[in-house]
């Protein structure tokens, strides 16, 4: 049971006294851990590289067409 608040009662007794002491405590459980998403750096790098190559090819093609022969 994650992220809950519970109330517990502890009974304390000693050999020195016959009296029992009651201690009430609140216990809060930890929340569920959040799953960390991994960024796909390899795929992102390939995509950026292919975009850069396509841009360079487009620029080279437009420069060749603009150059008078």
PDB file of N, CA and C in Angstrom:
ATOM      1  N   UNK A   1       0.837  -1.171   0.000  1.00  0.00           N
ATOM      2  CA  UNK A   1       0.000   0.000   0.000  1.00  0.00           C
ATOM      3  C   UNK A   1       0.886   1.238   0.000  1.00  0.00           C
ATOM      4  N   UNK A   2       1.105   1.776  -1.163  1.00  0.00           N
ATOM      5  CA  UNK A   2       1.993   2.918  -1.298  1.00  0.00           C
ATOM      6  C   UNK A   2       1.254   4.226  -1.057  1.00  0.00           C
ATOM      7  N   UNK A   3       1.983   5.179  -0.532  1.00  0.00           N
ATOM      8  CA  UNK A   3       1.503   6.546  -0.321  1.00  0.00           C
ATOM      9  C   UNK A   3       0.228   6.595   0.536  1.00  0.00           C
ATOM     10  N   UNK A   4       0.242   5.887   1.624  1.00  0.00           N
ATOM     11  CA  UNK A   4      -0.904   5.859   2.550  1.00  0.00           C
ATOM     12  C   UNK A   4      -0.450   6.316   3.931  1.00  0.00           C
ATOM     13  N   UNK A   5      -1.413   6.749   4.734  1.00  0.00           N
ATOM     14  CA  UNK A   5      -1.147   7.181   6.102  1.00  0.00           C
ATOM     15  C   UNK A   5      -1.908   6.259   7.045  1.00  0.00           C
ATOM     16  N   UNK A   6      -1.179   5.621   7.943  1.00  0.00           N
ATOM     17  CA  UNK A   6      -1.770   4.675   8.885  1.00  0.00           C
ATOM     18  C   UNK A   6      -1.524   5.155  10.311  1.00  0.00           C
ATOM     19  N   UNK A   7      -2.390   4.749  11.190  1.00  0.00           N
ATOM     20  CA  UNK A   7      -2.221   5.051  12.611  1.00  0.00           C
ATOM     21  C   UNK A   7      -2.028   3.722  13.344  1.00  0.00           C
ATOM     22  N   UNK A   8      -0.968   3.652  14.130  1.00  0.00           N
ATOM     23  CA  UNK A   8      -0.657   2.431  14.869  1.00  0.00           C
ATOM     24  C   UNK A   8      -0.527   2.757  16.351  1.00  0.00           C
ATOM     25  N   UNK A   9      -0.827   1.772  17.188  1.00  0.00           N
ATOM     26  CA  UNK A   9      -0.688   1.953  18.631  1.00  0.00           C
ATOM     27  C   UNK A   9       0.316   0.933  19.138  1.00  0.00           C
ATOM     28  N   UNK A  10       1.307   1.429  19.856  1.00  0.00           N
ATOM     29  CA  UNK A  10       2.326   0.555  20.435  1.00  0.00           C
ATOM     30  C   UNK A  10       2.087   0.462  21.933  1.00  0.00           C
ATOM     31  N   UNK A  11       2.246  -0.734  22.462  1.00  0.00           N
ATOM     32  CA  UNK A  11       2.098  -0.956  23.903  1.00  0.00           C
ATOM     33  C   UNK A  11       3.482  -1.189  24.489  1.00  0.00           C
ATOM     34  N   UNK A  12       3.868  -0.323  25.407  1.00  0.00           N
ATOM     35  CA  UNK A  12       5.197  -0.407  26.015  1.00  0.00           C
ATOM     36  C   UNK A  12       5.067  -0.870  27.460  1.00  0.00           C
ATOM     37  N   UNK A  13       5.837  -1.882  27.783  1.00  0.00           N
ATOM     38  CA  UNK A  13       5.863  -2.334  29.174  1.00  0.00           C
ATOM     39  C   UNK A  13       7.291  -2.683  29.561  1.00  0.00           C
ATOM     40  N   UNK A  14       7.579  -2.571  30.847  1.00  0.00           N
ATOM     41  CA  UNK A  14       8.918  -2.856  31.359  1.00  0.00           C
ATOM     42  C   UNK A  14       8.810  -3.831  32.515  1.00  0.00           C
ATOM     43  N   UNK A  15       9.947  -4.365  32.892  1.00  0.00           N
ATOM     44  CA  UNK A  15       9.990  -5.248  34.063  1.00  0.00           C
ATOM     45  C   UNK A  15       9.915  -4.451  35.364  1.00  0.00           C
ATOM     46  N   UNK A  16      10.222  -3.155  35.302  1.00  0.00           N
ATOM     47  CA  UNK A  16      10.257  -2.333  36.501  1.00  0.00           C
ATOM     48  C   UNK A  16       8.867  -1.883  36.947  1.00  0.00           C
ATOM     49  N   UNK A  17       7.915  -1.868  36.025  1.00  0.00           N
ATOM     50  CA  UNK A  17       6.578  -1.373  36.361  1.00  0.00           C
ATOM     51  C   UNK A  17       5.535  -2.272  35.705  1.00  0.00           C
ATOM     52  N   UNK A  18       4.427  -2.442  36.376  1.00  0.00           N
ATOM     53  CA  UNK A  18       3.369  -3.269  35.803  1.00  0.00           C
ATOM     54  C   UNK A  18       2.448  -2.453  34.899  1.00  0.00           C
ATOM     55  N   UNK A  19       2.651  -1.137  34.894  1.00  0.00           N
ATOM     56  CA  UNK A  19       1.818  -0.265  34.086  1.00  0.00           C
ATOM     57  C   UNK A  19       2.237  -0.358  32.613  1.00  0.00           C
ATOM     58  N   UNK A  20       1.244  -0.441  31.731  1.00  0.00           N
ATOM     59  CA  UNK A  20       1.498  -0.490  30.289  1.00  0.00           C
ATOM     60  C   UNK A  20       1.263   0.910  29.717  1.00  0.00           C
ATOM     61  N   UNK A  21       2.222   1.393  28.933  1.00  0.00           N
ATOM     62  CA  UNK A  21       2.128   2.710  28.306  1.00  0.00           C
ATOM     63  C   UNK A  21       1.680   2.530  26.856  1.00  0.00           C
ATOM     64  N   UNK A  22       0.724   3.353  26.461  1.00  0.00           N
ATOM     65  CA  UNK A  22       0.217   3.315  25.088  1.00  0.00           C
ATOM     66  C   UNK A  22       0.824   4.478  24.309  1.00  0.00           C
ATOM     67  N   UNK A  23       1.339   4.169  23.143  1.00  0.00           N
ATOM     68  CA  UNK A  23       1.952   5.185  22.289  1.00  0.00           C
ATOM     69  C   UNK A  23       1.320   5.072  20.907  1.00  0.00           C
ATOM     70  N   UNK A  24       0.690   6.137  20.456  1.00  0.00           N
ATOM     71  CA  UNK A  24       0.059   6.154  19.136  1.00  0.00           C
ATOM     72  C   UNK A  24       0.984   6.877  18.166  1.00  0.00           C
ATOM     73  N   UNK A  25       1.246   6.252  17.026  1.00  0.00           N
ATOM     74  CA  UNK A  25       2.126   6.837  16.008  1.00  0.00           C
ATOM     75  C   UNK A  25       1.411   6.813  14.662  1.00  0.00           C
ATOM     76  N   UNK A  26       1.790   7.744  13.806  1.00  0.00           N
ATOM     77  CA  UNK A  26       1.308   7.747  12.430  1.00  0.00           C
ATOM     78  C   UNK A  26       2.441   7.311  11.528  1.00  0.00           C
ATOM     79  N   UNK A  27       2.129   6.379  10.647  1.00  0.00           N
ATOM     80  CA  UNK A  27       3.122   5.837   9.722  1.00  0.00           C
ATOM     81  C   UNK A  27       2.683   6.176   8.310  1.00  0.00           C
ATOM     82  N   UNK A  28       3.574   6.807   7.554  1.00  0.00           N
ATOM     83  CA  UNK A  28       3.283   7.131   6.161  1.00  0.00           C
ATOM     84  C   UNK A  28       4.176   6.282   5.271  1.00  0.00           C
ATOM     85  N   UNK A  29       3.558   5.544   4.365  1.00  0.00           N
ATOM     86  CA  UNK A  29       4.331   4.686   3.470  1.00  0.00           C
ATOM     87  C   UNK A  29       4.855   5.509   2.300  1.00  0.00           C
ATOM     88  N   UNK A  30       5.912   5.039   1.702  1.00  0.00           N
ATOM     89  CA  UNK A  30       6.548   5.744   0.594  1.00  0.00           C
ATOM     90  C   UNK A  30       5.674   5.658  -0.656  1.00  0.00           C
ATOM     91  N   UNK A  31       5.739   6.687  -1.515  1.00  0.00           N
ATOM     92  CA  UNK A  31       4.976   6.622  -2.757  1.00  0.00           C
ATOM     93  C   UNK A  31       5.599   5.626  -3.726  1.00  0.00           C
ATOM     94  N   UNK A  32       4.827   5.230  -4.724  1.00  0.00           N
ATOM     95  CA  UNK A  32       5.351   4.329  -5.743  1.00  0.00           C
ATOM     96  C   UNK A  32       6.471   5.027  -6.499  1.00  0.00           C
ATOM     97  N   UNK A  33       7.522   4.301  -6.821  1.00  0.00           N
ATOM     98  CA  UNK A  33       8.607   4.932  -7.586  1.00  0.00           C
ATOM     99  C   UNK A  33       8.128   5.260  -9.003  1.00  0.00           C
ATOM    100  N   UNK A  34       8.565   6.397  -9.512  1.00  0.00           N
ATOM    101  CA  UNK A  34       8.195   6.827 -10.853  1.00  0.00           C
ATOM    102  C   UNK A  34       9.183   6.207 -11.838  1.00  0.00           C
ATOM    103  N   UNK A  35       8.635   5.565 -12.857  1.00  0.00           N
ATOM    104  CA  UNK A  35       9.493   4.943 -13.853  1.00  0.00           C
ATOM    105  C   UNK A  35      10.127   6.030 -14.710  1.00  0.00           C
ATOM    106  N   UNK A  36      11.435   5.982 -14.816  1.00  0.00           N
ATOM    107  CA  UNK A  36      12.146   6.973 -15.614  1.00  0.00           C
ATOM    108  C   UNK A  36      12.179   6.506 -17.067  1.00  0.00           C
ATOM    109  N   UNK A  37      11.796   7.414 -17.947  1.00  0.00           N
ATOM    110  CA  UNK A  37      11.824   7.098 -19.367  1.00  0.00           C
ATOM    111  C   UNK A  37      13.213   7.389 -19.912  1.00  0.00           C
ATOM    112  N   UNK A  38      13.721   6.479 -20.695  1.00  0.00           N
ATOM    113  CA  UNK A  38      15.037   6.666 -21.296  1.00  0.00           C
ATOM    114  C   UNK A  38      14.870   7.353 -22.641  1.00  0.00           C
ATOM    115  N   UNK A  39      15.687   8.361 -22.878  1.00  0.00           N
ATOM    116  CA  UNK A  39      15.651   9.083 -24.139  1.00  0.00           C
ATOM    117  C   UNK A  39      16.403   8.254 -25.172  1.00  0.00           C
ATOM    118  N   UNK A  40      15.812   8.026 -26.330  1.00  0.00           N
ATOM    119  CA  UNK A  40      16.482   7.217 -27.357  1.00  0.00           C
ATOM    120  C   UNK A  40      17.551   8.025 -28.095  1.00  0.00           C
ATOM    121  N   UNK A  41      18.694   8.197 -27.455  1.00  0.00           N
ATOM    122  CA  UNK A  41      19.752   9.029 -28.019  1.00  0.00           C
ATOM    123  C   UNK A  41      20.265   8.489 -29.348  1.00  0.00           C
ATOM    124  N   UNK A  42      20.380   7.176 -29.494  1.00  0.00           N
ATOM    125  CA  UNK A  42      20.896   6.609 -30.748  1.00  0.00           C
ATOM    126  C   UNK A  42      19.949   6.934 -31.895  1.00  0.00           C
ATOM    127  N   UNK A  43      18.669   6.697 -31.715  1.00  0.00           N
ATOM    128  CA  UNK A  43      17.701   6.983 -32.774  1.00  0.00           C
ATOM    129  C   UNK A  43      17.616   8.469 -33.079  1.00  0.00           C
ATOM    130  N   UNK A  44      17.682   9.282 -32.033  1.00  0.00           N
ATOM    131  CA  UNK A  44      17.640  10.731 -32.215  1.00  0.00           C
ATOM    132  C   UNK A  44      18.870  11.210 -32.980  1.00  0.00           C
ATOM    133  N   UNK A  45      20.027  10.642 -32.687  1.00  0.00           N
ATOM    134  CA  UNK A  45      21.261  11.024 -33.372  1.00  0.00           C
ATOM    135  C   UNK A  45      21.200  10.663 -34.852  1.00  0.00           C
ATOM    136  N   UNK A  46      20.696   9.465 -35.151  1.00  0.00           N
ATOM    137  CA  UNK A  46      20.573   9.040 -36.550  1.00  0.00           C
ATOM    138  C   UNK A  46      19.610   9.956 -37.286  1.00  0.00           C
ATOM    139  N   UNK A  47      18.502  10.311 -36.650  1.00  0.00           N
ATOM    140  CA  UNK A  47      17.517  11.187 -37.290  1.00  0.00           C
ATOM    141  C   UNK A  47      18.114  12.567 -37.575  1.00  0.00           C
ATOM    142  N   UNK A  48      18.824  13.131 -36.588  1.00  0.00           N
ATOM    143  CA  UNK A  48      19.440  14.447 -36.783  1.00  0.00           C
ATOM    144  C   UNK A  48      20.523  14.405 -37.864  1.00  0.00           C
ATOM    145  N   UNK A  49      21.295  13.336 -37.902  1.00  0.00           N
ATOM    146  CA  UNK A  49      22.339  13.198 -38.912  1.00  0.00           C
ATOM    147  C   UNK A  49      21.728  13.087 -40.303  1.00  0.00           C
ATOM    148  N   UNK A  50      20.659  12.316 -40.433  1.00  0.00           N
ATOM    149  CA  UNK A  50      20.019  12.172 -41.745  1.00  0.00           C
ATOM    150  C   UNK A  50      19.394  13.505 -42.181  1.00  0.00           C
ATOM    151  N   UNK A  51      18.845  14.268 -41.246  1.00  0.00           N
ATOM    152  CA  UNK A  51      18.314  15.592 -41.591  1.00  0.00           C
ATOM    153  C   UNK A  51      19.431  16.524 -42.051  1.00  0.00           C
ATOM    154  N   UNK A  52      20.568  16.463 -41.400  1.00  0.00           N
ATOM    155  CA  UNK A  52      21.698  17.306 -41.775  1.00  0.00           C
ATOM    156  C   UNK A  52      22.207  16.932 -43.166  1.00  0.00           C
ATOM    157  N   UNK A  53      22.305  15.641 -43.443  1.00  0.00           N
ATOM    158  CA  UNK A  53      22.769  15.190 -44.761  1.00  0.00           C
ATOM    159  C   UNK A  53      21.783  15.606 -45.845  1.00  0.00           C
ATOM    160  N   UNK A  54      20.490  15.458 -45.563  1.00  0.00           N
ATOM    161  CA  UNK A  54      19.471  15.855 -46.544  1.00  0.00           C
ATOM    162  C   UNK A  54      19.541  17.358 -46.806  1.00  0.00           C
ATOM    163  N   UNK A  55      19.775  18.133 -45.777  1.00  0.00           N
ATOM    164  CA  UNK A  55      19.882  19.585 -45.952  1.00  0.00           C
ATOM    165  C   UNK A  55      21.093  19.950 -46.791  1.00  0.00           C
ATOM    166  N   UNK A  56      22.206  19.303 -46.538  1.00  0.00           N
ATOM    167  CA  UNK A  56      23.433  19.582 -47.299  1.00  0.00           C
ATOM    168  C   UNK A  56      23.234  19.192 -48.755  1.00  0.00           C
ATOM    169  N   UNK A  57      22.588  18.052 -49.001  1.00  0.00           N
ATOM    170  CA  UNK A  57      22.326  17.632 -50.379  1.00  0.00           C
ATOM    171  C   UNK A  57      21.395  18.620 -51.075  1.00  0.00           C
ATOM    172  N   UNK A  58      20.398  19.104 -50.365  1.00  0.00           N
ATOM    173  CA  UNK A  58      19.469  20.072 -50.952  1.00  0.00           C
ATOM    174  C   UNK A  58      20.189  21.369 -51.297  1.00  0.00           C
ATOM    175  N   UNK A  59      21.073  21.825 -50.406  1.00  0.00           N
ATOM    176  CA  UNK A  59      21.834  23.054 -50.664  1.00  0.00           C
ATOM    177  C   UNK A  59      22.758  22.854 -51.856  1.00  0.00           C
ATOM    178  N   UNK A  60      23.438  21.694 -51.911  1.00  0.00           N
ATOM    179  CA  UNK A  60      24.351  21.417 -53.018  1.00  0.00           C
ATOM    180  C   UNK A  60      23.592  21.362 -54.339  1.00  0.00           C
ATOM    181  N   UNK A  61      22.423  20.765 -54.347  1.00  0.00           N
ATOM    182  CA  UNK A  61      21.618  20.676 -55.565  1.00  0.00           C
ATOM    183  C   UNK A  61      21.166  22.061 -56.011  1.00  0.00           C
ATOM    184  N   UNK A  62      20.718  22.876 -55.088  1.00  0.00           N
ATOM    185  CA  UNK A  62      20.258  24.219 -55.464  1.00  0.00           C
ATOM    186  C   UNK A  62      21.424  25.086 -55.938  1.00  0.00           C
ATOM    187  N   UNK A  63      22.625  24.878 -55.388  1.00  0.00           N
ATOM    188  CA  UNK A  63      23.785  25.649 -55.849  1.00  0.00           C
ATOM    189  C   UNK A  63      24.186  25.211 -57.260  1.00  0.00           C
ATOM    190  N   UNK A  64      24.123  23.914 -57.552  1.00  0.00           N
ATOM    191  CA  UNK A  64      24.464  23.410 -58.876  1.00  0.00           C
ATOM    192  C   UNK A  64      23.479  23.947 -59.915  1.00  0.00           C
ATOM    193  N   UNK A  65      22.203  24.019 -59.559  1.00  0.00           N
ATOM    194  CA  UNK A  65      21.196  24.506 -60.502  1.00  0.00           C
ATOM    195  C   UNK A  65      21.323  26.013 -60.697  1.00  0.00           C
ATOM    196  N   UNK A  66      21.779  26.725 -59.716  1.00  0.00           N
ATOM    197  CA  UNK A  66      21.891  28.176 -59.824  1.00  0.00           C
ATOM    198  C   UNK A  66      23.159  28.604 -60.542  1.00  0.00           C
ATOM    199  N   UNK A  67      24.138  27.711 -60.645  1.00  0.00           N
ATOM    200  CA  UNK A  67      25.414  28.054 -61.290  1.00  0.00           C
ATOM    201  C   UNK A  67      25.221  28.035 -62.815  1.00  0.00           C
ATOM    202  N   UNK A  68      25.565  29.143 -63.491  1.00  0.00           N
ATOM    203  CA  UNK A  68      25.431  29.165 -64.962  1.00  0.00           C
ATOM    204  C   UNK A  68      26.502  28.273 -65.597  1.00  0.00           C
ATOM    205  N   UNK A  69      26.136  27.633 -66.712  1.00  0.00           N
ATOM    206  CA  UNK A  69      27.091  26.734 -67.396  1.00  0.00           C
ATOM    207  C   UNK A  69      27.538  27.317 -68.683  1.00  0.00           C
TER     208      UNK A  69
END
